[in-house]
C-alpha atoms as a PDB file:
ATOM      1  CA  UNK A   1     -18.428   9.989  -7.274  1.00  0.00           C
ATOM      2  CA  UNK A   2     -20.950  12.599  -8.477  1.00  0.00           C
ATOM      3  CA  UNK A   3     -22.788  11.672 -11.719  1.00  0.00           C
ATOM      4  CA  UNK A   4     -21.815  13.509 -14.991  1.00  0.00           C
ATOM      5  CA  UNK A   5     -25.339  15.007 -15.353  1.00  0.00           C
ATOM      6  CA  UNK A   6     -24.596  17.289 -12.271  1.00  0.00           C
ATOM      7  CA  UNK A   7     -21.277  18.606 -13.572  1.00  0.00           C
ATOM      8  CA  UNK A   8     -18.628  15.900 -13.118  1.00  0.00           C
ATOM      9  CA  UNK A   9     -16.639  15.731 -16.302  1.00  0.00           C
ATOM     10  CA  UNK A  10     -16.768  12.538 -18.323  1.00  0.00           C
ATOM     11  CA  UNK A  11     -12.964  12.176 -18.204  1.00  0.00           C
ATOM     12  CA  UNK A  12     -10.626   9.282 -19.298  1.00  0.00           C
ATOM     13  CA  UNK A  13      -9.050   9.399 -15.948  1.00  0.00           C
ATOM     14  CA  UNK A  14     -12.296   9.141 -14.077  1.00  0.00           C
ATOM     15  CA  UNK A  15     -13.445   6.318 -16.165  1.00  0.00           C
ATOM     16  CA  UNK A  16     -10.092   4.434 -15.805  1.00  0.00           C
ATOM     17  CA  UNK A  17     -10.143   4.836 -11.896  1.00  0.00           C
ATOM     18  CA  UNK A  18     -13.713   3.647 -11.729  1.00  0.00           C
ATOM     19  CA  UNK A  19     -12.806   0.464 -13.736  1.00  0.00           C
ATOM     20  CA  UNK A  20      -9.762  -0.046 -11.711  1.00  0.00           C
ATOM     21  CA  UNK A  21     -11.535   0.228  -8.658  1.00  0.00           C
ATOM     22  CA  UNK A  22     -14.263  -2.382  -9.815  1.00  0.00           C
ATOM     23  CA  UNK A  23     -11.559  -4.727 -10.937  1.00  0.00           C
ATOM     24  CA  UNK A  24      -9.852  -4.409  -7.401  1.00  0.00           C
ATOM     25  CA  UNK A  25     -13.206  -5.214  -5.786  1.00  0.00           C
ATOM     26  CA  UNK A  26     -13.980  -1.660  -4.435  1.00  0.00           C
ATOM     27  CA  UNK A  27     -17.460  -0.624  -4.828  1.00  0.00           C
ATOM     28  CA  UNK A  28     -18.001   2.312  -7.194  1.00  0.00           C
ATOM     29  CA  UNK A  29     -21.191   4.414  -6.823  1.00  0.00           C
ATOM     30  CA  UNK A  30     -22.418   7.330  -8.840  1.00  0.00           C
ATOM     31  CA  UNK A  31     -24.680   9.497  -6.904  1.00  0.00           C
ATOM     32  CA  UNK A  32     -25.305  12.900  -5.533  1.00  0.00           C
ATOM     33  CA  UNK A  33     -23.902  13.441  -2.164  1.00  0.00           C
ATOM     34  CA  UNK A  34     -23.754  16.328   0.263  1.00  0.00           C
ATOM     35  CA  UNK A  35     -20.986  18.281   1.897  1.00  0.00           C
ATOM     36  CA  UNK A  36     -21.705  16.427   5.257  1.00  0.00           C
ATOM     37  CA  UNK A  37     -20.833  13.106   3.571  1.00  0.00           C
ATOM     38  CA  UNK A  38     -17.725  14.374   2.376  1.00  0.00           C
ATOM     39  CA  UNK A  39     -16.718  15.688   5.887  1.00  0.00           C
ATOM     40  CA  UNK A  40     -17.415  12.256   7.480  1.00  0.00           C
ATOM     41  CA  UNK A  41     -15.579  10.301   4.721  1.00  0.00           C
ATOM     42  CA  UNK A  42     -12.762   7.914   5.652  1.00  0.00           C
ATOM     43  CA  UNK A  43     -10.994   9.250   2.651  1.00  0.00           C
ATOM     44  CA  UNK A  44     -11.402  11.282  -0.423  1.00  0.00           C
ATOM     45  CA  UNK A  45      -9.755  11.867  -3.633  1.00  0.00           C
ATOM     46  CA  UNK A  46     -10.078  13.788  -6.949  1.00  0.00           C
ATOM     47  CA  UNK A  47      -9.136  12.690 -10.573  1.00  0.00           C
ATOM     48  CA  UNK A  48      -7.990  14.763 -13.603  1.00  0.00           C
ATOM     49  CA  UNK A  49      -6.032  14.283 -16.757  1.00  0.00           C
ATOM     50  CA  UNK A  50      -2.926  16.115 -15.569  1.00  0.00           C
ATOM     51  CA  UNK A  51      -3.258  15.505 -11.878  1.00  0.00           C
ATOM     52  CA  UNK A  52      -4.256  11.888 -12.243  1.00  0.00           C
ATOM     53  CA  UNK A  53      -5.415  10.962  -8.583  1.00  0.00           C
ATOM     54  CA  UNK A  54      -5.120  13.644  -5.990  1.00  0.00           C
ATOM     55  CA  UNK A  55      -5.810  12.831  -2.311  1.00  0.00           C
ATOM     56  CA  UNK A  56      -8.026  15.182  -0.565  1.00  0.00           C
ATOM     57  CA  UNK A  57      -7.089  15.463   3.073  1.00  0.00           C
ATOM     58  CA  UNK A  58      -8.984  18.624   3.947  1.00  0.00           C
ATOM     59  CA  UNK A  59     -12.244  20.410   2.797  1.00  0.00           C
ATOM     60  CA  UNK A  60     -13.205  23.955   4.080  1.00  0.00           C
ATOM     61  CA  UNK A  61     -10.857  23.589   6.900  1.00  0.00           C
ATOM     62  CA  UNK A  62     -12.257  20.310   8.170  1.00  0.00           C
ATOM     63  CA  UNK A  63      -9.900  17.256   8.025  1.00  0.00           C
ATOM     64  CA  UNK A  64     -11.117  14.234   6.073  1.00  0.00           C
ATOM     65  CA  UNK A  65     -10.507  10.825   7.734  1.00  0.00           C
ATOM     66  CA  UNK A  66      -7.170  10.995   9.543  1.00  0.00           C
ATOM     67  CA  UNK A  67      -5.763  13.800   7.496  1.00  0.00           C
ATOM     68  CA  UNK A  68      -3.565  11.620   5.245  1.00  0.00           C
ATOM     69  CA  UNK A  69      -4.165   9.955   1.838  1.00  0.00           C
ATOM     70  CA  UNK A  70      -6.207   6.668   2.558  1.00  0.00           C
ATOM     71  CA  UNK A  71      -5.252   3.077   1.764  1.00  0.00           C
ATOM     72  CA  UNK A  72      -7.776   2.913  -1.101  1.00  0.00           C
ATOM     73  CA  UNK A  73      -6.391   6.087  -2.606  1.00  0.00           C
ATOM     74  CA  UNK A  74      -2.860   4.804  -2.341  1.00  0.00           C
ATOM     75  CA  UNK A  75      -3.724   1.572  -3.935  1.00  0.00           C
ATOM     76  CA  UNK A  76      -5.612   3.101  -6.817  1.00  0.00           C
ATOM     77  CA  UNK A  77      -2.832   5.552  -7.464  1.00  0.00           C
ATOM     78  CA  UNK A  78      -0.333   2.654  -7.635  1.00  0.00           C
ATOM     79  CA  UNK A  79      -2.568   0.602  -9.897  1.00  0.00           C
ATOM     80  CA  UNK A  80      -3.330   3.636 -12.084  1.00  0.00           C
ATOM     81  CA  UNK A  81       0.370   4.366 -12.551  1.00  0.00           C
ATOM     82  CA  UNK A  82       0.907   0.744 -13.531  1.00  0.00           C
ATOM     83  CA  UNK A  83      -1.866   1.044 -16.152  1.00  0.00           C
ATOM     84  CA  UNK A  84      -0.555   4.356 -17.586  1.00  0.00           C
ATOM     85  CA  UNK A  85       3.159   2.869 -17.762  1.00  0.00           C
ATOM     86  CA  UNK A  86       1.965  -0.305 -19.561  1.00  0.00           C
ATOM     87  CA  UNK A  87      -0.832   1.009 -22.123  1.00  0.00           C
ATOM     88  CA  UNK A  88      -1.493   3.819 -24.356  1.00  0.00           C
ATOM     89  CA  UNK A  89       0.817   5.462 -26.781  1.00  0.00           C
ATOM     90  CA  UNK A  90       3.810   7.570 -25.580  1.00  0.00           C
ATOM     91  CA  UNK A  91       3.717  11.224 -26.568  1.00  0.00           C
ATOM     92  CA  UNK A  92       7.512  11.383 -26.468  1.00  0.00           C
ATOM     93  CA  UNK A  93      10.514   9.418 -27.620  1.00  0.00           C
END
């Protein structure tokens, strides 16, 4: 993930997903990367408060990985949903 000092937002979702990934044994690295690295990635996703975890399957018309959400993205999404259903304060009743 890009570091926050270059423009990535310090979001609650971002932090939660990075923590979940570490707990799942997935290497998390904050560093600057270039477009080529995105193009050759096996998979890619974005995080956001409303969006939660969004798989990225295409960037600038180029398919990322096999063009489908990857296994890591799927596992993180599943674990994030479990987390949001069991922690926090509901905003509705």
